Amino acid sequence: MFLYLSKLLPLFFYPLGFACICSFLAFLFIWKRPRIAASFIALALFVLLISSNAWVSRFLIRSLEWQNIPLTEIPTAEAIVVLGGATKSAYEPRTNVDLSEAGDRVLYAAQLYREEKAPLIIVSGGRIDWRGGGTPESEDIAKLLVFMGVKQQDILQDPDSLNTYQNAVNVKKILQERNIDRILLVTSAMHMPRSLAIFKHQEIEAIPAPTDFLVTEGEIQELASTPKGAILNILPDSKNLDNFTIALKEYIGMVIYRLRGWV
């Protein structure tokens, strides 16, 4: 039940969901209280315009992604832990597993392995049944890792985790069974602050190895590189709205996890 509510309730705080609620309330008040209705419409427009412009979106993302940028070369460890959320199941018309936007996690984990940063990869991630089900994501990622040159015997799976907290708890059990003390934690840069906090709360020595950066130095500089660019980046864009929502999701997740004592 918590998992379902944790995915459902925050939707009302995301820009699009919040704007829909405001629009619905405006519809209720439009005949008897037109001024109140107008206020709700104005609020919905304001939220959508703010959250869908590149200035706000990119700086919000940067506030998360740039927290754990490695200042030196990634050190060696005893295992690489790669979190799920990186693949799409092989359902028709797909003939194979596809990488999602966060698929860089899989590529980076394979790269670190081939660079001999760690001799073992632990893949953590299941499938939520009401999101289509299918094979556990850990299994899909493992297949891709083998295709990329990782030895099958060097891959361990946690197919049961359905959120980041469960990732940390289940991975800890694997680490204890193998007497592993130090890991490289691979996940999307935006997801890293929450993930790292949870793993450290589980007393796991995790070294951040972020990937899948959505905002770079060049994209920040591009915002105001020219007067025309500065103006155009204020205009609403669905991609900016999506990225803003993902970043907001991480902040909401941090609050919820802290309230539950998970970080």
C-alpha atoms as a PDB file:
ATOM      1  CA  MET A   1       0.000   0.000   0.000  1.00  0.00           C
ATOM      2  CA  PHE A   2       2.819   2.429   0.859  1.00  0.00           C
ATOM      3  CA  LEU A   3       4.423   1.810  -2.518  1.00  0.00           C
ATOM      4  CA  TYR A   4       1.155   2.559  -4.321  1.00  0.00           C
ATOM      5  CA  LEU A   5       0.488   5.719  -2.291  1.00  0.00           C
ATOM      6  CA  SER A   6       4.098   6.876  -2.639  1.00  0.00           C
ATOM      7  CA  LYS A   7       3.658   6.806  -6.426  1.00  0.00           C
ATOM      8  CA  LEU A   8       0.114   8.246  -6.441  1.00  0.00           C
ATOM      9  CA  LEU A   9      -0.027  11.031  -3.846  1.00  0.00           C
ATOM     10  CA  PRO A  10       2.958  13.094  -5.068  1.00  0.00           C
ATOM     11  CA  LEU A  11       1.233  13.434  -8.447  1.00  0.00           C
ATOM     12  CA  PHE A  12      -0.935  16.132  -6.884  1.00  0.00           C
ATOM     13  CA  PHE A  13       2.190  18.156  -6.096  1.00  0.00           C
ATOM     14  CA  TYR A  14       3.743  17.904  -9.557  1.00  0.00           C
ATOM     15  CA  PRO A  15       3.124  20.883 -11.879  1.00  0.00           C
ATOM     16  CA  LEU A  16       0.820  19.121 -14.324  1.00  0.00           C
ATOM     17  CA  GLY A  17      -1.256  17.428 -11.615  1.00  0.00           C
ATOM     18  CA  PHE A  18      -1.436  20.628  -9.580  1.00  0.00           C
ATOM     19  CA  ALA A  19      -2.530  22.594 -12.656  1.00  0.00           C
ATOM     20  CA  CYS A  20      -5.247  20.013 -13.367  1.00  0.00           C
ATOM     21  CA  ILE A  21      -6.558  20.331  -9.797  1.00  0.00           C
ATOM     22  CA  CYS A  22      -6.606  24.124 -10.109  1.00  0.00           C
ATOM     23  CA  SER A  23      -8.445  23.867 -13.432  1.00  0.00           C
ATOM     24  CA  PHE A  24     -10.999  21.506 -11.924  1.00  0.00           C
ATOM     25  CA  LEU A  25     -11.586  23.885  -8.990  1.00  0.00           C
ATOM     26  CA  ALA A  26     -11.905  26.774 -11.435  1.00  0.00           C
ATOM     27  CA  PHE A  27     -14.588  24.819 -13.298  1.00  0.00           C
ATOM     28  CA  LEU A  28     -16.520  24.351 -10.045  1.00  0.00           C
ATOM     29  CA  PHE A  29     -16.422  28.063  -9.159  1.00  0.00           C
ATOM     30  CA  ILE A  30     -16.726  29.594 -12.628  1.00  0.00           C
ATOM     31  CA  TRP A  31     -20.489  30.322 -12.457  1.00  0.00           C
ATOM     32  CA  LYS A  32     -20.998  31.366  -8.836  1.00  0.00           C
ATOM     33  CA  ARG A  33     -17.527  32.699  -7.942  1.00  0.00           C
ATOM     34  CA  PRO A  34     -15.857  33.844 -11.191  1.00  0.00           C
ATOM     35  CA  ARG A  35     -13.104  35.755  -9.355  1.00  0.00           C
ATOM     36  CA  ILE A  36     -12.083  32.659  -7.415  1.00  0.00           C
ATOM     37  CA  ALA A  37     -12.206  30.667 -10.636  1.00  0.00           C
ATOM     38  CA  ALA A  38      -9.976  33.227 -12.331  1.00  0.00           C
ATOM     39  CA  SER A  39      -7.508  32.967  -9.442  1.00  0.00           C
ATOM     40  CA  PHE A  40      -7.257  29.195  -9.837  1.00  0.00           C
ATOM     41  CA  ILE A  41      -6.748  29.549 -13.601  1.00  0.00           C
ATOM     42  CA  ALA A  42      -4.036  32.157 -13.040  1.00  0.00           C
ATOM     43  CA  LEU A  43      -2.332  29.925 -10.476  1.00  0.00           C
ATOM     44  CA  ALA A  44      -2.385  26.959 -12.859  1.00  0.00           C
ATOM     45  CA  LEU A  45      -0.863  29.039 -15.667  1.00  0.00           C
ATOM     46  CA  PHE A  46       1.787  30.487 -13.349  1.00  0.00           C
ATOM     47  CA  VAL A  47       2.881  27.046 -12.132  1.00  0.00           C
ATOM     48  CA  LEU A  48       3.036  25.643 -15.663  1.00  0.00           C
ATOM     49  CA  LEU A  49       4.966  28.616 -17.028  1.00  0.00           C
ATOM     50  CA  ILE A  50       7.488  28.592 -14.190  1.00  0.00           C
ATOM     51  CA  SER A  51       8.098  24.848 -14.256  1.00  0.00           C
ATOM     52  CA  SER A  52       8.331  24.559 -18.053  1.00  0.00           C
ATOM     53  CA  ASN A  53      10.956  27.218 -18.743  1.00  0.00           C
ATOM     54  CA  ALA A  54      14.592  26.217 -19.124  1.00  0.00           C
ATOM     55  CA  TRP A  55      15.939  28.642 -16.513  1.00  0.00           C
ATOM     56  CA  VAL A  56      14.057  27.171 -13.571  1.00  0.00           C
ATOM     57  CA  SER A  57      14.194  23.577 -14.819  1.00  0.00           C
ATOM     58  CA  ARG A  58      17.935  23.455 -15.423  1.00  0.00           C
ATOM     59  CA  PHE A  59      18.919  25.147 -12.185  1.00  0.00           C
ATOM     60  CA  LEU A  60      16.654  22.847 -10.181  1.00  0.00           C
ATOM     61  CA  ILE A  61      18.197  19.810 -11.870  1.00  0.00           C
ATOM     62  CA  ARG A  62      21.712  21.172 -11.331  1.00  0.00           C
ATOM     63  CA  SER A  63      21.027  21.540  -7.606  1.00  0.00           C
ATOM     64  CA  LEU A  64      20.732  17.723  -7.483  1.00  0.00           C
ATOM     65  CA  GLU A  65      23.046  16.485 -10.211  1.00  0.00           C
ATOM     66  CA  TRP A  66      26.124  18.472  -9.259  1.00  0.00           C
ATOM     67  CA  GLN A  67      26.189  17.412  -5.600  1.00  0.00           C
ATOM     68  CA  ASN A  68      28.297  14.294  -6.126  1.00  0.00           C
ATOM     69  CA  ILE A  69      30.511  15.003  -9.122  1.00  0.00           C
ATOM     70  CA  PRO A  70      33.741  13.006  -8.628  1.00  0.00           C
ATOM     71  CA  LEU A  71      36.615  15.436  -8.073  1.00  0.00           C
ATOM     72  CA  THR A  72      39.214  12.782  -8.849  1.00  0.00           C
ATOM     73  CA  GLU A  73      39.344   9.472 -10.712  1.00  0.00           C
ATOM     74  CA  ILE A  74      36.823   6.891  -9.551  1.00  0.00           C
ATOM     75  CA  PRO A  75      38.647   4.599  -7.073  1.00  0.00           C
ATOM     76  CA  THR A  76      38.485   0.827  -7.031  1.00  0.00           C
ATOM     77  CA  ALA A  77      36.010  -1.070  -4.868  1.00  0.00           C
ATOM     78  CA  GLU A  78      34.851  -4.604  -4.193  1.00  0.00           C
ATOM     79  CA  ALA A  79      31.627  -4.332  -6.196  1.00  0.00           C
ATOM     80  CA  ILE A  80      29.654  -2.062  -8.476  1.00  0.00           C
ATOM     81  CA  VAL A  81      26.001  -1.598  -7.534  1.00  0.00           C
ATOM     82  CA  VAL A  82      23.765  -0.395 -10.357  1.00  0.00           C
ATOM     83  CA  LEU A  83      20.191   0.600  -9.523  1.00  0.00           C
ATOM     84  CA  GLY A  84      17.183  -0.216 -11.684  1.00  0.00           C
ATOM     85  CA  GLY A  85      14.986   2.208 -13.575  1.00  0.00           C
ATOM     86  CA  ALA A  86      17.098   1.927 -16.709  1.00  0.00           C
ATOM     87  CA  THR A  87      15.273  -0.485 -19.010  1.00  0.00           C
ATOM     88  CA  LYS A  88      11.960  -1.198 -20.736  1.00  0.00           C
ATOM     89  CA  SER A  89      10.670  -4.769 -20.915  1.00  0.00           C
ATOM     90  CA  ALA A  90      10.692  -6.711 -24.170  1.00  0.00           C
ATOM     91  CA  TYR A  91       6.962  -6.378 -24.911  1.00  0.00           C
ATOM     92  CA  GLU A  92       5.574  -6.320 -28.449  1.00  0.00           C
ATOM     93  CA  PRO A  93       6.479  -4.657 -30.706  1.00  0.00           C
ATOM     94  CA  ARG A  94       9.889  -4.534 -28.967  1.00  0.00           C
ATOM     95  CA  THR A  95      11.936  -7.591 -29.842  1.00  0.00           C
ATOM     96  CA  ASN A  96      14.498  -6.951 -27.110  1.00  0.00           C
ATOM     97  CA  VAL A  97      14.916  -5.052 -23.874  1.00  0.00           C
ATOM     98  CA  ASP A  98      15.286  -1.312 -24.525  1.00  0.00           C
ATOM     99  CA  LEU A  99      17.291   1.179 -22.529  1.00  0.00           C
ATOM    100  CA  SER A 100      15.296   4.079 -21.099  1.00  0.00           C
ATOM    101  CA  GLU A 101      16.568   7.645 -20.615  1.00  0.00           C
ATOM    102  CA  ALA A 102      18.388   6.397 -17.511  1.00  0.00           C
ATOM    103  CA  GLY A 103      20.027   3.587 -19.495  1.00  0.00           C
ATOM    104  CA  ASP A 104      23.416   5.252 -19.074  1.00  0.00           C
ATOM    105  CA  ARG A 105      23.490   3.473 -15.695  1.00  0.00           C
ATOM    106  CA  VAL A 106      23.927   0.148 -17.466  1.00  0.00           C
ATOM    107  CA  LEU A 107      26.549   1.467 -19.872  1.00  0.00           C
ATOM    108  CA  TYR A 108      28.538   3.127 -17.104  1.00  0.00           C
ATOM    109  CA  ALA A 109      28.453   0.047 -14.884  1.00  0.00           C
ATOM    110  CA  ALA A 110      29.841  -2.044 -17.755  1.00  0.00           C
ATOM    111  CA  GLN A 111      32.496   0.586 -18.418  1.00  0.00           C
ATOM    112  CA  LEU A 112      33.640   0.636 -14.788  1.00  0.00           C
ATOM    113  CA  TYR A 113      33.792  -3.163 -14.778  1.00  0.00           C
ATOM    114  CA  ARG A 114      35.877  -3.255 -17.961  1.00  0.00           C
ATOM    115  CA  GLU A 115      38.178  -0.636 -16.441  1.00  0.00           C
ATOM    116  CA  GLU A 116      38.649  -3.081 -13.543  1.00  0.00           C
ATOM    117  CA  LYS A 117      37.241  -0.696 -10.956  1.00  0.00           C
ATOM    118  CA  ALA A 118      35.531  -3.678  -9.319  1.00  0.00           C
ATOM    119  CA  PRO A 119      35.363  -7.428 -10.071  1.00  0.00           C
ATOM    120  CA  LEU A 120      31.634  -7.780  -9.411  1.00  0.00           C
ATOM    121  CA  ILE A 121      28.392  -6.051 -10.455  1.00  0.00           C
ATOM    122  CA  ILE A 122      25.270  -6.186  -8.289  1.00  0.00           C
ATOM    123  CA  VAL A 123      22.085  -5.270 -10.159  1.00  0.00           C
ATOM    124  CA  SER A 124      19.160  -4.167  -7.994  1.00  0.00           C
ATOM    125  CA  GLY A 125      15.640  -3.725  -9.338  1.00  0.00           C
ATOM    126  CA  GLY A 126      12.328  -5.550  -9.676  1.00  0.00           C
ATOM    127  CA  ARG A 127       9.145  -4.801 -11.626  1.00  0.00           C
ATOM    128  CA  ILE A 128       6.000  -3.202 -10.238  1.00  0.00           C
ATOM    129  CA  ASP A 129       3.105  -5.453 -11.285  1.00  0.00           C
ATOM    130  CA  TRP A 130       0.619  -2.642 -11.875  1.00  0.00           C
ATOM    131  CA  ARG A 131       3.104  -1.003 -14.248  1.00  0.00           C
ATOM    132  CA  GLY A 132       3.076  -3.842 -16.719  1.00  0.00           C
ATOM    133  CA  GLY A 133       5.014  -6.448 -14.783  1.00  0.00           C
ATOM    134  CA  GLY A 134       7.301  -8.645 -16.832  1.00  0.00           C
ATOM    135  CA  THR A 135      10.709 -10.030 -15.938  1.00  0.00           C
ATOM    136  CA  PRO A 136      12.563  -8.314 -13.074  1.00  0.00           C
ATOM    137  CA  GLU A 137      14.608  -5.394 -14.265  1.00  0.00           C
ATOM    138  CA  SER A 138      17.703  -6.888 -12.665  1.00  0.00           C
ATOM    139  CA  GLU A 139      17.383  -9.795 -15.111  1.00  0.00           C
ATOM    140  CA  ASP A 140      17.021  -7.473 -18.094  1.00  0.00           C
ATOM    141  CA  ILE A 141      20.040  -5.405 -17.039  1.00  0.00           C
ATOM    142  CA  ALA A 142      22.092  -8.554 -16.414  1.00  0.00           C
ATOM    143  CA  LYS A 143      21.436  -9.721 -19.990  1.00  0.00           C
ATOM    144  CA  LEU A 144      22.576  -6.374 -21.351  1.00  0.00           C
ATOM    145  CA  LEU A 145      25.700  -6.420 -19.195  1.00  0.00           C
ATOM    146  CA  VAL A 146      26.639  -9.860 -20.522  1.00  0.00           C
ATOM    147  CA  PHE A 147      26.136  -8.536 -24.062  1.00  0.00           C
ATOM    148  CA  MET A 148      28.541  -5.710 -23.170  1.00  0.00           C
ATOM    149  CA  GLY A 149      31.246  -8.109 -22.108  1.00  0.00           C
ATOM    150  CA  VAL A 150      30.610  -8.630 -18.402  1.00  0.00           C
ATOM    151  CA  LYS A 151      31.062 -12.262 -17.320  1.00  0.00           C
ATOM    152  CA  GLN A 152      27.845 -13.939 -16.200  1.00  0.00           C
ATOM    153  CA  GLN A 153      29.486 -15.238 -13.026  1.00  0.00           C
ATOM    154  CA  ASP A 154      30.466 -11.683 -12.070  1.00  0.00           C
ATOM    155  CA  ILE A 155      26.841 -10.481 -11.927  1.00  0.00           C
ATOM    156  CA  LEU A 156      24.617 -10.800  -8.857  1.00  0.00           C
ATOM    157  CA  GLN A 157      20.938  -9.863  -8.882  1.00  0.00           C
ATOM    158  CA  ASP A 158      18.416  -8.413  -6.474  1.00  0.00           C
ATOM    159  CA  PRO A 159      15.112  -8.926  -8.347  1.00  0.00           C
ATOM    160  CA  ASP A 160      12.797  -7.893  -5.520  1.00  0.00           C
ATOM    161  CA  SER A 161      13.459  -4.192  -4.870  1.00  0.00           C
ATOM    162  CA  LEU A 162      10.644  -1.848  -5.883  1.00  0.00           C
ATOM    163  CA  ASN A 163      12.047   1.434  -4.553  1.00  0.00           C
ATOM    164  CA  THR A 164      15.371   2.954  -3.531  1.00  0.00           C
ATOM    165  CA  TYR A 165      15.001   2.022   0.122  1.00  0.00           C
ATOM    166  CA  GLN A 166      14.504  -1.631  -0.791  1.00  0.00           C
ATOM    167  CA  ASN A 167      17.514  -1.368  -3.121  1.00  0.00           C
ATOM    168  CA  ALA A 168      19.724  -0.463  -0.181  1.00  0.00           C
ATOM    169  CA  VAL A 169      18.252  -3.024   2.237  1.00  0.00           C
ATOM    170  CA  ASN A 170      18.455  -5.937  -0.212  1.00  0.00           C
ATOM    171  CA  VAL A 171      21.898  -5.007  -1.488  1.00  0.00           C
ATOM    172  CA  LYS A 172      23.160  -4.862   2.097  1.00  0.00           C
ATOM    173  CA  LYS A 173      22.147  -8.502   2.565  1.00  0.00           C
ATOM    174  CA  ILE A 174      24.134  -9.478  -0.530  1.00  0.00           C
ATOM    175  CA  LEU A 175      27.146  -7.496   0.652  1.00  0.00           C
ATOM    176  CA  GLN A 176      27.073  -9.160   4.065  1.00  0.00           C
ATOM    177  CA  GLU A 177      26.856 -12.621   2.508  1.00  0.00           C
ATOM    178  CA  ARG A 178      29.914 -11.843   0.365  1.00  0.00           C
ATOM    179  CA  ASN A 179      31.830  -9.911   3.057  1.00  0.00           C
ATOM    180  CA  ILE A 180      31.939  -6.851   0.811  1.00  0.00           C
ATOM    181  CA  ASP A 181      32.610  -3.533   2.528  1.00  0.00           C
ATOM    182  CA  ARG A 182      33.102  -0.986  -0.261  1.00  0.00           C
ATOM    183  CA  ILE A 183      31.002  -0.386  -3.369  1.00  0.00           C
ATOM    184  CA  LEU A 184      30.697   1.977  -6.297  1.00  0.00           C
ATOM    185  CA  LEU A 185      27.104   3.187  -6.480  1.00  0.00           C
ATOM    186  CA  VAL A 186      25.910   3.770 -10.042  1.00  0.00           C
ATOM    187  CA  THR A 187      22.684   5.625 -10.701  1.00  0.00           C
ATOM    188  CA  SER A 188      21.491   8.770 -12.467  1.00  0.00           C
ATOM    189  CA  ALA A 189      23.140  11.948 -11.194  1.00  0.00           C
ATOM    190  CA  MET A 190      19.756  13.414 -10.218  1.00  0.00           C
ATOM    191  CA  HIS A 191      18.895  10.286  -8.243  1.00  0.00           C
ATOM    192  CA  MET A 192      22.289  10.065  -6.546  1.00  0.00           C
ATOM    193  CA  PRO A 193      21.712  12.399  -3.523  1.00  0.00           C
ATOM    194  CA  ARG A 194      18.728  10.387  -2.295  1.00  0.00           C
ATOM    195  CA  SER A 195      20.298   7.029  -3.153  1.00  0.00           C
ATOM    196  CA  LEU A 196      23.599   7.838  -1.465  1.00  0.00           C
ATOM    197  CA  ALA A 197      21.856   9.050   1.695  1.00  0.00           C
ATOM    198  CA  ILE A 198      19.826   5.836   1.929  1.00  0.00           C
ATOM    199  CA  PHE A 199      22.820   3.557   1.355  1.00  0.00           C
ATOM    200  CA  LYS A 200      24.885   5.415   3.939  1.00  0.00           C
ATOM    201  CA  HIS A 201      21.988   5.192   6.390  1.00  0.00           C
ATOM    202  CA  GLN A 202      22.256   1.430   5.929  1.00  0.00           C
ATOM    203  CA  GLU A 203      25.935   1.784   6.930  1.00  0.00           C
ATOM    204  CA  ILE A 204      27.159   0.839   3.463  1.00  0.00           C
ATOM    205  CA  GLU A 205      30.426   2.423   2.337  1.00  0.00           C
ATOM    206  CA  ALA A 206      29.202   3.692  -1.018  1.00  0.00           C
ATOM    207  CA  ILE A 207      31.302   5.778  -3.391  1.00  0.00           C
ATOM    208  CA  PRO A 208      29.105   7.805  -5.767  1.00  0.00           C
ATOM    209  CA  ALA A 209      29.592   7.113  -9.454  1.00  0.00           C
ATOM    210  CA  PRO A 210      26.880   9.273 -11.050  1.00  0.00           C
ATOM    211  CA  THR A 211      25.943   9.158 -14.705  1.00  0.00           C
ATOM    212  CA  ASP A 212      23.066  10.249 -16.974  1.00  0.00           C
ATOM    213  CA  PHE A 213      23.621  13.984 -16.421  1.00  0.00           C
ATOM    214  CA  LEU A 214      20.776  16.064 -17.867  1.00  0.00           C
ATOM    215  CA  VAL A 215      22.443  19.433 -17.293  1.00  0.00           C
ATOM    216  CA  THR A 216      26.018  20.311 -18.253  1.00  0.00           C
ATOM    217  CA  GLU A 217      28.153  23.433 -18.019  1.00  0.00           C
ATOM    218  CA  GLY A 218      27.416  24.117 -21.678  1.00  0.00           C
ATOM    219  CA  GLU A 219      23.649  23.992 -21.150  1.00  0.00           C
ATOM    220  CA  ILE A 220      23.874  26.408 -18.230  1.00  0.00           C
ATOM    221  CA  GLN A 221      25.996  28.822 -20.270  1.00  0.00           C
ATOM    222  CA  GLU A 222      23.613  28.484 -23.227  1.00  0.00           C
ATOM    223  CA  LEU A 223      20.754  29.943 -21.187  1.00  0.00           C
ATOM    224  CA  ALA A 224      22.088  33.475 -21.500  1.00  0.00           C
ATOM    225  CA  SER A 225      24.630  33.114 -24.297  1.00  0.00           C
ATOM    226  CA  THR A 226      22.635  35.564 -26.439  1.00  0.00           C
ATOM    227  CA  PRO A 227      19.700  37.898 -25.743  1.00  0.00           C
ATOM    228  CA  LYS A 228      17.513  35.849 -28.079  1.00  0.00           C
ATOM    229  CA  GLY A 229      18.497  32.633 -26.323  1.00  0.00           C
ATOM    230  CA  ALA A 230      17.731  34.113 -22.916  1.00  0.00           C
ATOM    231  CA  ILE A 231      14.232  35.060 -24.068  1.00  0.00           C
ATOM    232  CA  LEU A 232      13.529  31.772 -25.859  1.00  0.00           C
ATOM    233  CA  ASN A 233      14.550  29.785 -22.793  1.00  0.00           C
ATOM    234  CA  ILE A 234      11.771  31.478 -20.819  1.00  0.00           C
ATOM    235  CA  LEU A 235       9.121  30.049 -23.152  1.00  0.00           C
ATOM    236  CA  PRO A 236       7.302  26.879 -22.020  1.00  0.00           C
ATOM    237  CA  ASP A 237       8.610  23.559 -23.263  1.00  0.00           C
ATOM    238  CA  SER A 238       7.304  20.081 -22.430  1.00  0.00           C
ATOM    239  CA  LYS A 239      10.836  18.709 -22.001  1.00  0.00           C
ATOM    240  CA  ASN A 240      11.589  21.324 -19.354  1.00  0.00           C
ATOM    241  CA  LEU A 241       8.318  20.483 -17.613  1.00  0.00           C
ATOM    242  CA  ASP A 242       9.244  16.796 -17.574  1.00  0.00           C
ATOM    243  CA  ASN A 243      12.743  17.464 -16.198  1.00  0.00           C
ATOM    244  CA  PHE A 244      11.382  19.848 -13.550  1.00  0.00           C
ATOM    245  CA  THR A 245       8.913  17.164 -12.467  1.00  0.00           C
ATOM    246  CA  ILE A 246      11.644  14.527 -12.181  1.00  0.00           C
ATOM    247  CA  ALA A 247      13.747  16.858 -10.027  1.00  0.00           C
ATOM    248  CA  LEU A 248      10.763  17.764  -7.860  1.00  0.00           C
ATOM    249  CA  LYS A 249      10.043  14.054  -7.456  1.00  0.00           C
ATOM    250  CA  GLU A 250      13.517  13.589  -5.967  1.00  0.00           C
ATOM    251  CA  TYR A 251      13.015  16.398  -3.458  1.00  0.00           C
ATOM    252  CA  ILE A 252       9.601  15.052  -2.458  1.00  0.00           C
ATOM    253  CA  GLY A 253      11.135  11.589  -2.154  1.00  0.00           C
ATOM    254  CA  MET A 254      13.804  12.941   0.195  1.00  0.00           C
ATOM    255  CA  VAL A 255      11.152  14.460   2.446  1.00  0.00           C
ATOM    256  CA  ILE A 256       9.058  11.271   2.513  1.00  0.00           C
ATOM    257  CA  TYR A 257      12.089   9.040   3.146  1.00  0.00           C
ATOM    258  CA  ARG A 258      13.288  11.324   5.939  1.00  0.00           C
ATOM    259  CA  LEU A 259       9.866  11.242   7.583  1.00  0.00           C
ATOM    260  CA  ARG A 260       9.969   7.441   7.487  1.00  0.00           C
ATOM    261  CA  GLY A 261      13.478   7.411   8.985  1.00  0.00           C
ATOM    262  CA  TRP A 262      15.096   5.870   5.905  1.00  0.00           C
ATOM    263  CA  VAL A 263      17.769   8.554   5.512  1.00  0.00           C
END
